[in-house]
N, C-alpha and C. Protein backbone atom coordinates (compact mmCIF):
# COMPACT_ATOMS: atom_id res chain seq x y z
N UNK A 1 6.28 -10.96 29.93
CA UNK A 1 5.03 -11.22 29.18
C UNK A 1 4.54 -12.67 29.50
N UNK A 2 3.33 -12.84 29.76
CA UNK A 2 2.79 -14.25 30.09
C UNK A 2 2.39 -14.72 28.67
N UNK A 3 2.60 -16.04 28.58
CA UNK A 3 2.17 -16.77 27.51
C UNK A 3 0.73 -17.13 27.54
N UNK A 4 0.03 -17.05 26.37
CA UNK A 4 -1.30 -17.40 26.29
C UNK A 4 -1.46 -18.96 26.65
N UNK A 5 -2.56 -19.23 27.44
CA UNK A 5 -2.78 -20.66 27.71
C UNK A 5 -3.17 -21.47 26.51
N UNK A 6 -2.86 -22.85 26.73
CA UNK A 6 -3.14 -23.58 25.59
C UNK A 6 -4.56 -24.22 25.87
N UNK A 7 -5.40 -24.19 24.85
CA UNK A 7 -6.85 -24.73 24.89
C UNK A 7 -6.97 -25.56 23.63
N UNK A 8 -7.86 -26.48 23.79
CA UNK A 8 -8.17 -27.27 22.56
C UNK A 8 -8.94 -26.53 21.63
N UNK A 9 -8.73 -26.61 20.34
CA UNK A 9 -9.53 -25.95 19.29
C UNK A 9 -10.70 -26.73 18.95
N UNK A 10 -11.94 -26.15 18.73
CA UNK A 10 -13.07 -26.92 18.27
C UNK A 10 -13.60 -26.03 17.13
N UNK A 11 -14.47 -26.65 16.50
CA UNK A 11 -15.19 -26.04 15.28
C UNK A 11 -16.06 -25.02 15.84
N UNK A 12 -16.50 -25.05 17.00
CA UNK A 12 -17.54 -24.17 17.67
C UNK A 12 -16.91 -22.86 17.91
N UNK A 13 -15.51 -22.59 17.89
CA UNK A 13 -14.81 -21.53 18.28
C UNK A 13 -15.02 -20.44 17.08
N UNK A 14 -15.19 -19.22 17.40
CA UNK A 14 -15.14 -18.11 16.33
C UNK A 14 -13.87 -18.00 15.77
N UNK A 15 -12.76 -17.88 16.58
CA UNK A 15 -11.45 -17.83 16.03
C UNK A 15 -10.52 -18.69 16.75
N UNK A 16 -9.49 -19.07 16.07
CA UNK A 16 -8.48 -19.88 16.74
C UNK A 16 -7.04 -19.30 16.41
N UNK A 17 -5.96 -19.66 17.24
CA UNK A 17 -4.68 -19.10 16.84
C UNK A 17 -4.11 -20.16 15.86
N UNK A 18 -2.78 -19.85 15.44
CA UNK A 18 -2.31 -20.70 14.44
C UNK A 18 -2.10 -22.15 14.90
N UNK A 19 -1.76 -22.43 16.07
CA UNK A 19 -1.59 -23.76 16.63
C UNK A 19 -3.00 -24.43 16.61
N UNK A 20 -4.00 -23.61 16.99
CA UNK A 20 -5.42 -24.30 16.97
C UNK A 20 -5.87 -24.58 15.42
N UNK A 21 -5.37 -23.73 14.66
CA UNK A 21 -5.80 -23.97 13.18
C UNK A 21 -4.99 -25.17 12.75
N UNK A 22 -3.79 -25.34 13.02
CA UNK A 22 -2.96 -26.57 12.61
C UNK A 22 -3.79 -27.78 13.13
N UNK A 23 -4.27 -27.73 14.46
CA UNK A 23 -4.96 -28.78 15.02
C UNK A 23 -6.33 -29.18 14.30
N UNK A 24 -7.05 -27.99 13.92
CA UNK A 24 -8.30 -28.26 13.21
C UNK A 24 -8.14 -28.94 11.85
N UNK A 25 -7.08 -28.34 11.20
CA UNK A 25 -6.92 -28.91 9.72
C UNK A 25 -6.01 -30.17 9.83
N UNK A 26 -5.50 -30.57 10.99
CA UNK A 26 -4.48 -31.70 10.94
C UNK A 26 -3.44 -31.49 9.89
N UNK A 27 -2.88 -30.28 9.96
CA UNK A 27 -1.80 -29.94 8.91
C UNK A 27 -0.71 -29.21 9.68
N UNK A 28 0.36 -29.13 9.02
CA UNK A 28 1.57 -28.46 9.56
C UNK A 28 1.44 -26.92 9.34
N UNK A 29 2.33 -26.26 9.98
CA UNK A 29 2.25 -24.80 10.05
C UNK A 29 2.09 -24.12 8.65
N UNK A 30 3.20 -24.57 7.68
CA UNK A 30 2.99 -23.80 6.49
C UNK A 30 1.68 -24.02 5.60
N UNK A 31 1.10 -25.39 5.65
CA UNK A 31 -0.14 -25.57 5.14
C UNK A 31 -1.22 -24.90 5.73
N UNK A 32 -1.26 -24.89 7.03
CA UNK A 32 -2.37 -24.18 7.71
C UNK A 32 -2.42 -22.78 7.49
N UNK A 33 -1.33 -22.02 7.42
CA UNK A 33 -1.25 -20.63 7.24
C UNK A 33 -1.56 -20.38 5.74
N UNK A 34 -1.20 -21.22 4.79
CA UNK A 34 -1.61 -21.17 3.44
C UNK A 34 -2.95 -21.23 3.09
N UNK A 35 -3.73 -22.12 3.93
CA UNK A 35 -5.20 -22.30 3.74
C UNK A 35 -5.85 -21.13 4.40
N UNK A 36 -5.37 -20.62 5.53
CA UNK A 36 -5.97 -19.60 6.17
C UNK A 36 -5.94 -18.25 5.34
N UNK A 37 -4.69 -18.10 4.72
CA UNK A 37 -4.55 -16.90 3.93
C UNK A 37 -5.30 -16.98 2.73
N UNK A 38 -5.40 -18.01 2.11
CA UNK A 38 -6.19 -18.17 0.88
C UNK A 38 -7.82 -18.01 1.16
N UNK A 39 -8.15 -18.37 2.45
CA UNK A 39 -9.52 -18.20 2.70
C UNK A 39 -9.89 -16.69 3.19
N UNK A 40 -8.81 -15.86 3.34
CA UNK A 40 -8.97 -14.45 3.78
C UNK A 40 -9.41 -14.51 5.14
N UNK A 41 -9.02 -15.40 5.94
CA UNK A 41 -9.50 -15.49 7.32
C UNK A 41 -8.54 -14.97 8.51
N UNK A 42 -7.38 -14.33 8.10
CA UNK A 42 -6.43 -13.84 9.04
C UNK A 42 -7.02 -12.62 9.77
N UNK A 43 -6.85 -12.51 11.11
CA UNK A 43 -7.22 -11.40 11.89
C UNK A 43 -6.00 -11.06 12.61
N UNK A 44 -5.60 -9.90 12.69
CA UNK A 44 -4.34 -9.44 13.36
C UNK A 44 -4.81 -8.55 14.54
N UNK A 45 -4.62 -8.89 15.75
CA UNK A 45 -4.87 -8.05 16.93
C UNK A 45 -3.45 -7.68 17.65
N UNK A 46 -3.03 -6.51 17.27
CA UNK A 46 -1.56 -6.21 17.84
C UNK A 46 -0.70 -7.25 17.21
N UNK A 47 0.11 -7.94 18.08
CA UNK A 47 1.09 -8.93 17.55
C UNK A 47 0.41 -10.34 17.36
N UNK A 48 -0.82 -10.40 17.79
CA UNK A 48 -1.32 -11.73 17.79
C UNK A 48 -2.23 -12.02 16.59
N UNK A 49 -2.03 -13.18 16.01
CA UNK A 49 -2.68 -13.66 14.82
C UNK A 49 -3.68 -14.71 15.10
N UNK A 50 -5.04 -14.31 14.67
CA UNK A 50 -6.01 -15.30 14.93
C UNK A 50 -6.73 -15.59 13.54
N UNK A 51 -7.44 -16.75 13.44
CA UNK A 51 -8.01 -17.19 12.16
C UNK A 51 -9.55 -17.36 12.35
N UNK A 52 -10.27 -16.88 11.31
CA UNK A 52 -11.75 -16.93 11.48
C UNK A 52 -12.09 -18.27 10.98
N UNK A 53 -12.59 -19.12 11.94
CA UNK A 53 -13.01 -20.58 11.58
C UNK A 53 -14.08 -20.76 10.61
N UNK A 54 -15.01 -19.91 10.62
CA UNK A 54 -16.25 -19.96 9.60
C UNK A 54 -15.82 -19.69 8.19
N UNK A 55 -14.85 -18.73 8.05
CA UNK A 55 -14.37 -18.43 6.71
C UNK A 55 -13.60 -19.60 6.12
N UNK A 56 -12.73 -20.21 7.03
CA UNK A 56 -12.02 -21.44 6.58
C UNK A 56 -12.85 -22.52 6.22
N UNK A 57 -13.89 -22.72 7.08
CA UNK A 57 -14.89 -23.90 6.74
C UNK A 57 -15.54 -23.71 5.39
N UNK A 58 -15.91 -22.41 5.31
CA UNK A 58 -16.56 -21.98 3.91
C UNK A 58 -15.63 -22.24 2.66
N UNK A 59 -14.40 -21.83 2.88
CA UNK A 59 -13.33 -21.86 1.82
C UNK A 59 -13.19 -23.39 1.50
N UNK A 60 -12.99 -24.17 2.54
CA UNK A 60 -12.76 -25.62 2.37
C UNK A 60 -13.88 -26.32 1.65
N UNK A 61 -15.23 -25.91 1.99
CA UNK A 61 -16.31 -26.54 1.29
C UNK A 61 -16.51 -26.09 -0.20
N UNK A 62 -16.01 -24.87 -0.48
CA UNK A 62 -15.99 -24.46 -1.84
C UNK A 62 -14.92 -25.15 -2.76
N UNK A 63 -13.78 -25.53 -2.12
CA UNK A 63 -12.76 -26.02 -2.97
C UNK A 63 -12.74 -27.47 -2.96
N UNK A 64 -13.63 -28.16 -2.10
CA UNK A 64 -13.76 -29.52 -2.15
C UNK A 64 -14.59 -30.14 -3.28
N UNK A 65 -14.22 -31.27 -3.63
CA UNK A 65 -15.01 -31.85 -4.85
C UNK A 65 -16.18 -32.66 -4.50
């Protein structure tokens, strides 16, 4: 099985993988997954997990002071 290529994650992407989410949030794996799950942004396609960037941005805007 071929490994997916590594690309830089940007806010303009519709979805990112978990490594991209960590990069966007500047957070570790557990924190990134916790934020993504709390935002309801998890998308599962087969065995692959993607995160909806717009939902995460909206969630972070709502919880920020």
